[in-house]
Amino acid sequence: MKPEYFYDRDNLIKQIKLKFGPVNGDSDIDKIYDVCEKLKVIEYDLNYTELSLSDTLKDNKGVCWQYSNIAYSLLNDVGIQTELCNGMYKNAWHKWIRCKIDNRWVYVDPTAYVSTNERKWLDIPYEEYAANYQLLSVSYTHLRAHETCADL
């Protein structure tokens, strides 16, 4: 493994929690909403496709994989079983999350929510998901500090 791929995972999680603060909400869907609202401080910037999560936290700029990794970390921390989804959205590489709520998977696209402010992205309607998303893999671990879109 290249030296630049080594990092302190626990410290990165602490940085995320410190930057975004506690997750609030009475229900799990309220907590998902709160996390996605917090992500609005990150400006979508394609120049960050190949930059690290640490760079995103420092510069407040990122893309789908950074939004999803941050949401994954915050939601799992409050006890919501969350997984990273890798695949295609309308024929483009993309990353989103799914959360287990009331014994069902809820698909959430933090990037789409931040871009549009439409709550439908917090529990993507089945018709939208089936028509536009192609799930290629699910990750149960995260926070590779130097992950890029090429790693999707």
C-alpha atoms as a PDB file:
ATOM      1  CA  MET A   1       0.000   0.000   0.000  1.00  0.00           C
ATOM      2  CA  LYS A   2       1.279   3.449  -0.884  1.00  0.00           C
ATOM      3  CA  PRO A   3       2.251   5.612   2.109  1.00  0.00           C
ATOM      4  CA  GLU A   4      -0.321   8.293   1.185  1.00  0.00           C
ATOM      5  CA  TYR A   5      -3.069   5.702   1.707  1.00  0.00           C
ATOM      6  CA  PHE A   6      -2.264   5.364   5.404  1.00  0.00           C
ATOM      7  CA  TYR A   7      -4.292   7.553   7.697  1.00  0.00           C
ATOM      8  CA  ASP A   8      -5.800   7.633  11.160  1.00  0.00           C
ATOM      9  CA  ARG A   9      -9.385   6.419  10.644  1.00  0.00           C
ATOM     10  CA  ASP A  10     -10.452   7.216  14.203  1.00  0.00           C
ATOM     11  CA  ASN A  11      -9.117  10.758  13.876  1.00  0.00           C
ATOM     12  CA  LEU A  12     -10.978  11.224  10.586  1.00  0.00           C
ATOM     13  CA  ILE A  13     -14.251  10.156  12.245  1.00  0.00           C
ATOM     14  CA  LYS A  14     -13.561  12.592  15.101  1.00  0.00           C
ATOM     15  CA  GLN A  15     -12.987  15.368  12.546  1.00  0.00           C
ATOM     16  CA  ILE A  16     -16.347  14.589  10.916  1.00  0.00           C
ATOM     17  CA  LYS A  17     -18.185  14.605  14.243  1.00  0.00           C
ATOM     18  CA  LEU A  18     -16.476  17.814  15.342  1.00  0.00           C
ATOM     19  CA  LYS A  19     -17.202  19.606  12.055  1.00  0.00           C
ATOM     20  CA  PHE A  20     -20.869  18.601  11.786  1.00  0.00           C
ATOM     21  CA  GLY A  21     -21.838  18.346  15.455  1.00  0.00           C
ATOM     22  CA  PRO A  22     -24.455  16.075  16.963  1.00  0.00           C
ATOM     23  CA  VAL A  23     -27.190  14.561  14.813  1.00  0.00           C
ATOM     24  CA  ASN A  24     -30.648  15.766  15.840  1.00  0.00           C
ATOM     25  CA  GLY A  25     -34.129  14.415  15.238  1.00  0.00           C
ATOM     26  CA  ASP A  26     -36.905  12.478  16.921  1.00  0.00           C
ATOM     27  CA  SER A  27     -37.186   9.796  14.248  1.00  0.00           C
ATOM     28  CA  ASP A  28     -34.628   8.097  12.031  1.00  0.00           C
ATOM     29  CA  ILE A  29     -35.889   9.953   8.960  1.00  0.00           C
ATOM     30  CA  ASP A  30     -35.548  13.231  10.910  1.00  0.00           C
ATOM     31  CA  LYS A  31     -31.925  12.303  11.649  1.00  0.00           C
ATOM     32  CA  ILE A  32     -31.278  11.559   7.981  1.00  0.00           C
ATOM     33  CA  TYR A  33     -32.759  14.959   7.131  1.00  0.00           C
ATOM     34  CA  ASP A  34     -30.551  16.650   9.737  1.00  0.00           C
ATOM     35  CA  VAL A  35     -27.399  15.003   8.367  1.00  0.00           C
ATOM     36  CA  CYS A  36     -28.243  15.981   4.788  1.00  0.00           C
ATOM     37  CA  GLU A  37     -28.948  19.545   5.906  1.00  0.00           C
ATOM     38  CA  LYS A  38     -25.531  19.655   7.587  1.00  0.00           C
ATOM     39  CA  LEU A  39     -23.912  18.572   4.313  1.00  0.00           C
ATOM     40  CA  LYS A  40     -25.046  21.811   2.669  1.00  0.00           C
ATOM     41  CA  VAL A  41     -21.860  23.476   3.946  1.00  0.00           C
ATOM     42  CA  ILE A  42     -19.981  21.409   1.357  1.00  0.00           C
ATOM     43  CA  GLU A  43     -19.953  22.945  -2.096  1.00  0.00           C
ATOM     44  CA  TYR A  44     -20.236  20.428  -4.935  1.00  0.00           C
ATOM     45  CA  ASP A  45     -16.966  20.700  -6.852  1.00  0.00           C
ATOM     46  CA  LEU A  46     -15.825  18.230  -9.509  1.00  0.00           C
ATOM     47  CA  ASN A  47     -12.234  19.309  -8.853  1.00  0.00           C
ATOM     48  CA  TYR A  48     -12.511  17.257  -5.637  1.00  0.00           C
ATOM     49  CA  THR A  49     -13.272  13.987  -7.410  1.00  0.00           C
ATOM     50  CA  GLU A  50      -9.707  12.803  -6.869  1.00  0.00           C
ATOM     51  CA  LEU A  51      -9.029  14.587  -3.581  1.00  0.00           C
ATOM     52  CA  SER A  52      -9.268  13.119  -0.117  1.00  0.00           C
ATOM     53  CA  LEU A  53     -12.023  13.236   2.453  1.00  0.00           C
ATOM     54  CA  SER A  54      -9.611  15.203   4.626  1.00  0.00           C
ATOM     55  CA  ASP A  55      -9.404  17.813   1.848  1.00  0.00           C
ATOM     56  CA  THR A  56     -13.202  17.993   1.739  1.00  0.00           C
ATOM     57  CA  LEU A  57     -13.433  18.531   5.490  1.00  0.00           C
ATOM     58  CA  LYS A  58     -10.779  21.265   5.321  1.00  0.00           C
ATOM     59  CA  ASP A  59     -12.034  23.075   2.195  1.00  0.00           C
ATOM     60  CA  ASN A  60     -15.818  22.446   2.350  1.00  0.00           C
ATOM     61  CA  LYS A  61     -15.816  21.137  -1.219  1.00  0.00           C
ATOM     62  CA  GLY A  62     -16.520  17.647  -2.516  1.00  0.00           C
ATOM     63  CA  VAL A  63     -18.527  15.257  -4.645  1.00  0.00           C
ATOM     64  CA  CYS A  64     -20.901  12.337  -4.151  1.00  0.00           C
ATOM     65  CA  TRP A  65     -18.470   9.952  -2.488  1.00  0.00           C
ATOM     66  CA  GLN A  66     -17.496  12.529   0.136  1.00  0.00           C
ATOM     67  CA  TYR A  67     -21.134  13.448   0.866  1.00  0.00           C
ATOM     68  CA  SER A  68     -22.018   9.763   1.213  1.00  0.00           C
ATOM     69  CA  ASN A  69     -19.044   8.842   3.397  1.00  0.00           C
ATOM     70  CA  ILE A  70     -19.746  11.714   5.780  1.00  0.00           C
ATOM     71  CA  ALA A  71     -23.458  10.816   5.987  1.00  0.00           C
ATOM     72  CA  TYR A  72     -22.536   7.150   6.491  1.00  0.00           C
ATOM     73  CA  SER A  73     -20.262   8.025   9.385  1.00  0.00           C
ATOM     74  CA  LEU A  74     -22.718  10.345  11.138  1.00  0.00           C
ATOM     75  CA  LEU A  75     -25.747   8.075  10.740  1.00  0.00           C
ATOM     76  CA  ASN A  76     -24.004   4.911  11.873  1.00  0.00           C
ATOM     77  CA  ASP A  77     -22.715   6.854  14.872  1.00  0.00           C
ATOM     78  CA  VAL A  78     -26.314   7.494  16.021  1.00  0.00           C
ATOM     79  CA  GLY A  79     -27.299   3.861  15.528  1.00  0.00           C
ATOM     80  CA  ILE A  80     -28.896   3.943  12.078  1.00  0.00           C
ATOM     81  CA  GLN A  81     -27.600   0.983  10.105  1.00  0.00           C
ATOM     82  CA  THR A  82     -26.221   2.642   6.980  1.00  0.00           C
ATOM     83  CA  GLU A  83     -24.394   1.231   3.970  1.00  0.00           C
ATOM     84  CA  LEU A  84     -22.570   2.877   1.086  1.00  0.00           C
ATOM     85  CA  CYS A  85     -23.974   2.162  -2.366  1.00  0.00           C
ATOM     86  CA  ASN A  86     -21.757   2.308  -5.431  1.00  0.00           C
ATOM     87  CA  GLY A  87     -23.084   2.290  -8.938  1.00  0.00           C
ATOM     88  CA  MET A  88     -24.586   4.353 -11.671  1.00  0.00           C
ATOM     89  CA  TYR A  89     -27.088   7.181 -11.645  1.00  0.00           C
ATOM     90  CA  LYS A  90     -28.383   7.953 -15.128  1.00  0.00           C
ATOM     91  CA  ASN A  91     -25.302   6.274 -16.649  1.00  0.00           C
ATOM     92  CA  ALA A  92     -22.734   8.185 -14.545  1.00  0.00           C
ATOM     93  CA  TRP A  93     -20.658   6.735 -11.682  1.00  0.00           C
ATOM     94  CA  HIS A  94     -22.222   7.704  -8.377  1.00  0.00           C
ATOM     95  CA  LYS A  95     -22.280   6.954  -4.662  1.00  0.00           C
ATOM     96  CA  TRP A  96     -25.273   7.159  -2.316  1.00  0.00           C
ATOM     97  CA  ILE A  97     -26.389   5.441   0.903  1.00  0.00           C
ATOM     98  CA  ARG A  98     -29.113   3.181   2.162  1.00  0.00           C
ATOM     99  CA  CYS A  99     -30.383   3.160   5.732  1.00  0.00           C
ATOM    100  CA  LYS A 100     -32.338   0.453   7.517  1.00  0.00           C
ATOM    101  CA  ILE A 101     -35.434   2.003   9.088  1.00  0.00           C
ATOM    102  CA  ASP A 102     -38.300  -0.029  10.515  1.00  0.00           C
ATOM    103  CA  ASN A 103     -36.896  -3.196   8.941  1.00  0.00           C
ATOM    104  CA  ARG A 104     -36.771  -1.804   5.380  1.00  0.00           C
ATOM    105  CA  TRP A 105     -34.036  -0.207   3.313  1.00  0.00           C
ATOM    106  CA  VAL A 106     -34.475   3.485   2.610  1.00  0.00           C
ATOM    107  CA  TYR A 107     -32.326   4.763  -0.265  1.00  0.00           C
ATOM    108  CA  VAL A 108     -30.885   8.239   0.285  1.00  0.00           C
ATOM    109  CA  ASP A 109     -28.934  10.390  -2.156  1.00  0.00           C
ATOM    110  CA  PRO A 110     -27.227  13.113  -0.108  1.00  0.00           C
ATOM    111  CA  THR A 111     -25.749  14.725  -3.228  1.00  0.00           C
ATOM    112  CA  ALA A 112     -29.133  15.073  -4.924  1.00  0.00           C
ATOM    113  CA  TYR A 113     -30.688  16.419  -1.720  1.00  0.00           C
ATOM    114  CA  VAL A 114     -27.984  19.053  -1.233  1.00  0.00           C
ATOM    115  CA  SER A 115     -28.277  20.072  -4.909  1.00  0.00           C
ATOM    116  CA  THR A 116     -32.075  20.307  -5.057  1.00  0.00           C
ATOM    117  CA  ASN A 117     -33.331  20.580  -1.457  1.00  0.00           C
ATOM    118  CA  GLU A 118     -36.072  18.080  -2.366  1.00  0.00           C
ATOM    119  CA  ARG A 119     -37.007  15.714   0.460  1.00  0.00           C
ATOM    120  CA  LYS A 120     -37.755  12.890  -2.003  1.00  0.00           C
ATOM    121  CA  TRP A 121     -33.976  12.214  -2.055  1.00  0.00           C
ATOM    122  CA  LEU A 122     -34.151  11.263   1.650  1.00  0.00           C
ATOM    123  CA  ASP A 123     -36.347   8.255   0.820  1.00  0.00           C
ATOM    124  CA  ILE A 124     -36.112   7.847  -2.928  1.00  0.00           C
ATOM    125  CA  PRO A 125     -39.436   6.704  -4.410  1.00  0.00           C
ATOM    126  CA  TYR A 126     -39.197   3.200  -5.856  1.00  0.00           C
ATOM    127  CA  GLU A 127     -40.105   4.324  -9.379  1.00  0.00           C
ATOM    128  CA  GLU A 128     -37.302   6.921  -9.368  1.00  0.00           C
ATOM    129  CA  TYR A 129     -34.801   4.464  -7.940  1.00  0.00           C
ATOM    130  CA  ALA A 130     -35.679   1.661 -10.368  1.00  0.00           C
ATOM    131  CA  ALA A 131     -35.587   3.970 -13.391  1.00  0.00           C
ATOM    132  CA  ASN A 132     -32.360   5.836 -12.664  1.00  0.00           C
ATOM    133  CA  TYR A 133     -30.085   3.949 -10.266  1.00  0.00           C
ATOM    134  CA  GLN A 134     -28.042   0.829 -10.900  1.00  0.00           C
ATOM    135  CA  LEU A 135     -26.567  -0.631  -7.716  1.00  0.00           C
ATOM    136  CA  LEU A 136     -23.242  -2.333  -8.427  1.00  0.00           C
ATOM    137  CA  SER A 137     -21.908  -2.882  -4.907  1.00  0.00           C
ATOM    138  CA  VAL A 138     -22.559  -2.143  -1.257  1.00  0.00           C
ATOM    139  CA  SER A 139     -19.816  -1.270   1.210  1.00  0.00           C
ATOM    140  CA  TYR A 140     -19.990  -1.869   4.927  1.00  0.00           C
ATOM    141  CA  THR A 141     -16.752  -0.031   5.672  1.00  0.00           C
ATOM    142  CA  HIS A 142     -15.714   3.445   4.701  1.00  0.00           C
ATOM    143  CA  LEU A 143     -13.423   6.350   5.273  1.00  0.00           C
ATOM    144  CA  ARG A 144     -10.450   5.563   3.151  1.00  0.00           C
ATOM    145  CA  ALA A 145      -8.902   8.990   3.428  1.00  0.00           C
ATOM    146  CA  HIS A 146      -7.637   8.936  -0.150  1.00  0.00           C
ATOM    147  CA  GLU A 147     -10.558   7.212  -1.872  1.00  0.00           C
ATOM    148  CA  THR A 148     -11.483   8.712  -5.220  1.00  0.00           C
ATOM    149  CA  CYS A 149     -14.249   8.205  -7.774  1.00  0.00           C
ATOM    150  CA  ALA A 150     -11.898   5.803  -9.531  1.00  0.00           C
ATOM    151  CA  ASP A 151     -12.363   3.531  -6.500  1.00  0.00           C
ATOM    152  CA  LEU A 152     -16.151   3.314  -6.916  1.00  0.00           C
END
